[in-house]
Amino acid sequence: MEGNEPKNVREVLEQLAQPSNVAVHSSDKLLGEVEAVAAKDDEEREQNQLDALRRKPGLRPVPPTRNSPRPRSTPTPCTSADGRTPRP
């Protein structure tokens, strides 16, 4: 494929299935900051008599893999998770 030619569906799906390195910033410090913000949001929602947000329990830092500090993933789970991320 050259230049700006449109890709067909097969090519796009094949590219989405290819694993690649994912840059991750994850630490105990970041986890603490996320939990503090979540607690503040919960408190504000309670004061405003809003329903509590549903969150996955047990947040923890992403551990590095045995052979690489960067996890490998296909783009699909990353784009799916990003699509669910609330925007300011």
N, C-alpha and C. Protein backbone atom coordinates (compact mmCIF):
# COMPACT_ATOMS: atom_id res chain seq x y z
N MET A 1 0.85 -1.18 0.00
CA MET A 1 0.00 0.00 0.00
C MET A 1 0.89 1.23 0.00
N GLU A 2 0.63 2.14 -0.92
CA GLU A 2 1.47 3.33 -1.04
C GLU A 2 0.63 4.59 -0.82
N GLY A 3 1.31 5.65 -0.39
CA GLY A 3 0.67 6.96 -0.28
C GLY A 3 -0.55 6.96 0.63
N ASN A 4 -1.57 7.69 0.18
CA ASN A 4 -2.78 7.86 0.97
C ASN A 4 -3.94 7.05 0.43
N GLU A 5 -3.63 5.93 -0.23
CA GLU A 5 -4.71 5.09 -0.76
C GLU A 5 -5.52 4.54 0.40
N PRO A 6 -6.83 4.44 0.20
CA PRO A 6 -7.66 3.88 1.28
C PRO A 6 -7.34 2.40 1.50
N LYS A 7 -7.45 1.96 2.73
CA LYS A 7 -7.22 0.56 3.07
C LYS A 7 -8.55 -0.18 3.02
N ASN A 8 -8.47 -1.44 2.65
CA ASN A 8 -9.71 -2.22 2.71
C ASN A 8 -9.87 -2.78 4.12
N VAL A 9 -11.02 -3.32 4.39
CA VAL A 9 -11.35 -3.80 5.73
C VAL A 9 -10.38 -4.88 6.18
N ARG A 10 -10.02 -5.77 5.30
CA ARG A 10 -9.11 -6.87 5.66
C ARG A 10 -7.76 -6.32 6.16
N GLU A 11 -7.22 -5.33 5.45
CA GLU A 11 -5.94 -4.75 5.85
C GLU A 11 -6.03 -4.08 7.22
N VAL A 12 -7.12 -3.37 7.45
CA VAL A 12 -7.30 -2.69 8.73
C VAL A 12 -7.39 -3.72 9.86
N LEU A 13 -8.18 -4.78 9.67
CA LEU A 13 -8.33 -5.80 10.71
C LEU A 13 -7.02 -6.54 10.96
N GLU A 14 -6.25 -6.79 9.90
CA GLU A 14 -4.95 -7.44 10.09
C GLU A 14 -4.02 -6.55 10.90
N GLN A 15 -4.03 -5.26 10.64
CA GLN A 15 -3.18 -4.35 11.41
C GLN A 15 -3.62 -4.27 12.87
N LEU A 16 -4.92 -4.30 13.11
CA LEU A 16 -5.42 -4.24 14.48
C LEU A 16 -5.10 -5.51 15.27
N ALA A 17 -4.83 -6.60 14.57
CA ALA A 17 -4.50 -7.86 15.23
C ALA A 17 -3.01 -7.99 15.52
N GLN A 18 -2.18 -7.09 15.00
CA GLN A 18 -0.73 -7.16 15.22
C GLN A 18 -0.38 -6.58 16.58
N PRO A 19 0.31 -7.38 17.43
CA PRO A 19 0.70 -6.84 18.73
C PRO A 19 1.82 -5.82 18.60
N SER A 20 1.84 -4.90 19.52
CA SER A 20 2.91 -3.91 19.55
C SER A 20 3.13 -3.50 21.01
N ASN A 21 4.25 -2.83 21.26
CA ASN A 21 4.56 -2.38 22.61
C ASN A 21 3.62 -1.26 23.01
N VAL A 22 3.27 -1.23 24.28
CA VAL A 22 2.38 -0.21 24.80
C VAL A 22 3.11 0.52 25.92
N ALA A 23 3.22 1.83 25.79
CA ALA A 23 3.85 2.62 26.84
C ALA A 23 2.87 2.79 27.99
N VAL A 24 3.31 2.45 29.20
CA VAL A 24 2.44 2.51 30.37
C VAL A 24 3.15 3.26 31.49
N HIS A 25 2.45 4.22 32.06
CA HIS A 25 2.96 4.89 33.26
C HIS A 25 2.12 4.36 34.41
N SER A 26 2.72 3.53 35.23
CA SER A 26 1.98 2.91 36.33
C SER A 26 2.90 2.77 37.52
N SER A 27 2.43 3.22 38.67
CA SER A 27 3.24 3.14 39.89
C SER A 27 2.31 3.20 41.10
N ASP A 28 2.87 2.88 42.25
CA ASP A 28 2.11 3.00 43.49
C ASP A 28 1.68 4.45 43.74
N LYS A 29 2.55 5.39 43.38
CA LYS A 29 2.23 6.81 43.56
C LYS A 29 1.02 7.19 42.70
N LEU A 30 1.04 6.78 41.43
CA LEU A 30 -0.09 7.08 40.54
C LEU A 30 -1.37 6.43 41.05
N LEU A 31 -1.26 5.19 41.52
CA LEU A 31 -2.42 4.49 42.07
C LEU A 31 -3.01 5.28 43.23
N GLY A 32 -2.16 5.77 44.13
CA GLY A 32 -2.64 6.57 45.26
C GLY A 32 -3.35 7.83 44.80
N GLU A 33 -2.81 8.48 43.78
CA GLU A 33 -3.43 9.70 43.25
C GLU A 33 -4.80 9.39 42.64
N VAL A 34 -4.89 8.29 41.91
CA VAL A 34 -6.17 7.90 41.30
C VAL A 34 -7.20 7.60 42.38
N GLU A 35 -6.79 6.86 43.41
CA GLU A 35 -7.71 6.52 44.49
C GLU A 35 -8.17 7.78 45.24
N ALA A 36 -7.28 8.76 45.43
CA ALA A 36 -7.65 10.01 46.11
C ALA A 36 -8.68 10.78 45.30
N VAL A 37 -8.47 10.86 44.00
CA VAL A 37 -9.43 11.57 43.13
C VAL A 37 -10.77 10.84 43.13
N ALA A 38 -10.74 9.51 43.08
CA ALA A 38 -11.98 8.73 43.09
C ALA A 38 -12.74 8.96 44.40
N ALA A 39 -12.03 8.98 45.52
CA ALA A 39 -12.69 9.21 46.81
C ALA A 39 -13.33 10.61 46.86
N LYS A 40 -12.62 11.60 46.31
CA LYS A 40 -13.17 12.96 46.28
C LYS A 40 -14.42 13.01 45.39
N ASP A 41 -14.37 12.35 44.23
CA ASP A 41 -15.54 12.30 43.35
C ASP A 41 -16.72 11.62 44.05
N ASP A 42 -16.45 10.52 44.76
CA ASP A 42 -17.51 9.81 45.47
C ASP A 42 -18.15 10.70 46.52
N GLU A 43 -17.32 11.44 47.24
CA GLU A 43 -17.83 12.34 48.28
C GLU A 43 -18.71 13.43 47.67
N GLU A 44 -18.26 14.02 46.56
CA GLU A 44 -19.05 15.07 45.89
C GLU A 44 -20.36 14.52 45.37
N ARG A 45 -20.32 13.32 44.81
CA ARG A 45 -21.56 12.71 44.29
C ARG A 45 -22.54 12.44 45.43
N GLU A 46 -22.01 12.00 46.58
CA GLU A 46 -22.87 11.73 47.72
C GLU A 46 -23.50 13.03 48.22
N GLN A 47 -22.72 14.09 48.30
CA GLN A 47 -23.24 15.39 48.74
C GLN A 47 -24.31 15.91 47.79
N ASN A 48 -24.17 15.61 46.50
CA ASN A 48 -25.14 16.06 45.50
C ASN A 48 -26.25 15.05 45.28
N GLN A 49 -26.29 14.02 46.14
CA GLN A 49 -27.30 12.97 46.10
C GLN A 49 -27.37 12.29 44.73
N LEU A 50 -26.19 12.03 44.16
CA LEU A 50 -26.10 11.31 42.90
C LEU A 50 -25.71 9.87 43.17
N ASP A 51 -26.06 8.98 42.26
CA ASP A 51 -25.69 7.58 42.40
C ASP A 51 -24.17 7.43 42.38
N ALA A 52 -23.69 6.45 43.10
CA ALA A 52 -22.25 6.16 43.11
C ALA A 52 -21.83 5.62 41.74
N LEU A 53 -20.61 5.95 41.36
CA LEU A 53 -20.08 5.44 40.10
C LEU A 53 -19.65 4.00 40.28
N ARG A 54 -19.81 3.21 39.24
CA ARG A 54 -19.34 1.82 39.28
C ARG A 54 -17.88 1.81 38.85
N ARG A 55 -17.05 1.18 39.66
CA ARG A 55 -15.62 1.08 39.35
C ARG A 55 -15.18 -0.36 39.54
N LYS A 56 -14.17 -0.74 38.79
CA LYS A 56 -13.59 -2.06 39.01
C LYS A 56 -12.89 -2.05 40.37
N PRO A 57 -13.11 -3.06 41.19
CA PRO A 57 -12.44 -3.10 42.49
C PRO A 57 -10.98 -3.51 42.36
N GLY A 58 -10.21 -3.15 43.36
CA GLY A 58 -8.84 -3.64 43.44
C GLY A 58 -7.88 -3.06 42.42
N LEU A 59 -7.83 -1.75 42.29
CA LEU A 59 -6.84 -1.16 41.39
C LEU A 59 -5.44 -1.48 41.89
N ARG A 60 -4.53 -1.70 40.98
CA ARG A 60 -3.13 -1.94 41.33
C ARG A 60 -2.26 -1.53 40.16
N PRO A 61 -0.99 -1.22 40.41
CA PRO A 61 -0.10 -0.85 39.31
C PRO A 61 0.07 -2.00 38.32
N VAL A 62 0.29 -1.66 37.08
CA VAL A 62 0.54 -2.67 36.05
C VAL A 62 1.97 -3.19 36.23
N PRO A 63 2.14 -4.49 36.48
CA PRO A 63 3.50 -5.00 36.67
C PRO A 63 4.24 -5.12 35.35
N PRO A 64 5.55 -4.92 35.35
CA PRO A 64 6.32 -5.13 34.12
C PRO A 64 6.34 -6.62 33.79
N THR A 65 6.45 -6.94 32.53
CA THR A 65 6.54 -8.35 32.13
C THR A 65 7.94 -8.86 32.45
N ARG A 66 8.11 -10.16 32.41
CA ARG A 66 9.39 -10.76 32.78
C ARG A 66 10.54 -10.32 31.89
N ASN A 67 10.31 -10.26 30.59
CA ASN A 67 11.40 -9.98 29.66
C ASN A 67 11.42 -8.55 29.14
N SER A 68 10.42 -7.78 29.47
CA SER A 68 10.35 -6.43 28.94
C SER A 68 9.60 -5.54 29.92
N PRO A 69 10.05 -4.31 30.10
CA PRO A 69 9.30 -3.41 30.97
C PRO A 69 8.02 -2.90 30.33
N ARG A 70 7.84 -3.13 29.03
CA ARG A 70 6.64 -2.67 28.34
C ARG A 70 5.77 -3.86 27.95
N PRO A 71 4.49 -3.82 28.31
CA PRO A 71 3.60 -4.90 27.89
C PRO A 71 3.32 -4.82 26.40
N ARG A 72 2.98 -5.96 25.81
CA ARG A 72 2.59 -5.99 24.40
C ARG A 72 1.09 -6.24 24.33
N SER A 73 0.46 -5.58 23.39
CA SER A 73 -0.97 -5.73 23.22
C SER A 73 -1.32 -5.36 21.79
N THR A 74 -2.46 -5.84 21.36
CA THR A 74 -2.98 -5.37 20.08
C THR A 74 -3.67 -4.04 20.34
N PRO A 75 -3.84 -3.20 19.32
CA PRO A 75 -4.49 -1.90 19.54
C PRO A 75 -5.94 -1.99 19.98
N THR A 76 -6.62 -3.10 19.67
CA THR A 76 -8.05 -3.19 19.93
C THR A 76 -8.43 -2.99 21.40
N PRO A 77 -7.81 -3.71 22.38
CA PRO A 77 -8.21 -3.45 23.77
C PRO A 77 -7.88 -2.03 24.22
N CYS A 78 -6.81 -1.47 23.70
CA CYS A 78 -6.44 -0.10 24.09
C CYS A 78 -7.46 0.90 23.58
N THR A 79 -7.87 0.76 22.34
CA THR A 79 -8.85 1.70 21.79
C THR A 79 -10.21 1.50 22.43
N SER A 80 -10.55 0.27 22.79
CA SER A 80 -11.83 0.01 23.47
C SER A 80 -11.85 0.67 24.84
N ALA A 81 -10.74 0.51 25.59
CA ALA A 81 -10.67 1.12 26.91
C ALA A 81 -10.68 2.64 26.80
N ASP A 82 -9.96 3.18 25.82
CA ASP A 82 -9.91 4.62 25.64
C ASP A 82 -11.29 5.16 25.27
N GLY A 83 -12.05 4.39 24.52
CA GLY A 83 -13.40 4.81 24.13
C GLY A 83 -14.34 4.92 25.31
N ARG A 84 -14.04 4.19 26.40
CA ARG A 84 -14.89 4.25 27.60
C ARG A 84 -14.41 5.29 28.59
N THR A 85 -13.27 5.91 28.32
CA THR A 85 -12.70 6.88 29.24
C THR A 85 -13.46 8.20 29.14
N PRO A 86 -14.00 8.70 30.27
CA PRO A 86 -14.70 9.99 30.21
C PRO A 86 -13.75 11.11 29.87
N ARG A 87 -14.20 12.02 29.09
CA ARG A 87 -13.41 13.18 28.69
C ARG A 87 -13.82 14.39 29.51
N PRO A 88 -12.86 15.26 29.84
CA PRO A 88 -13.22 16.48 30.62
C PRO A 88 -14.08 17.42 29.82
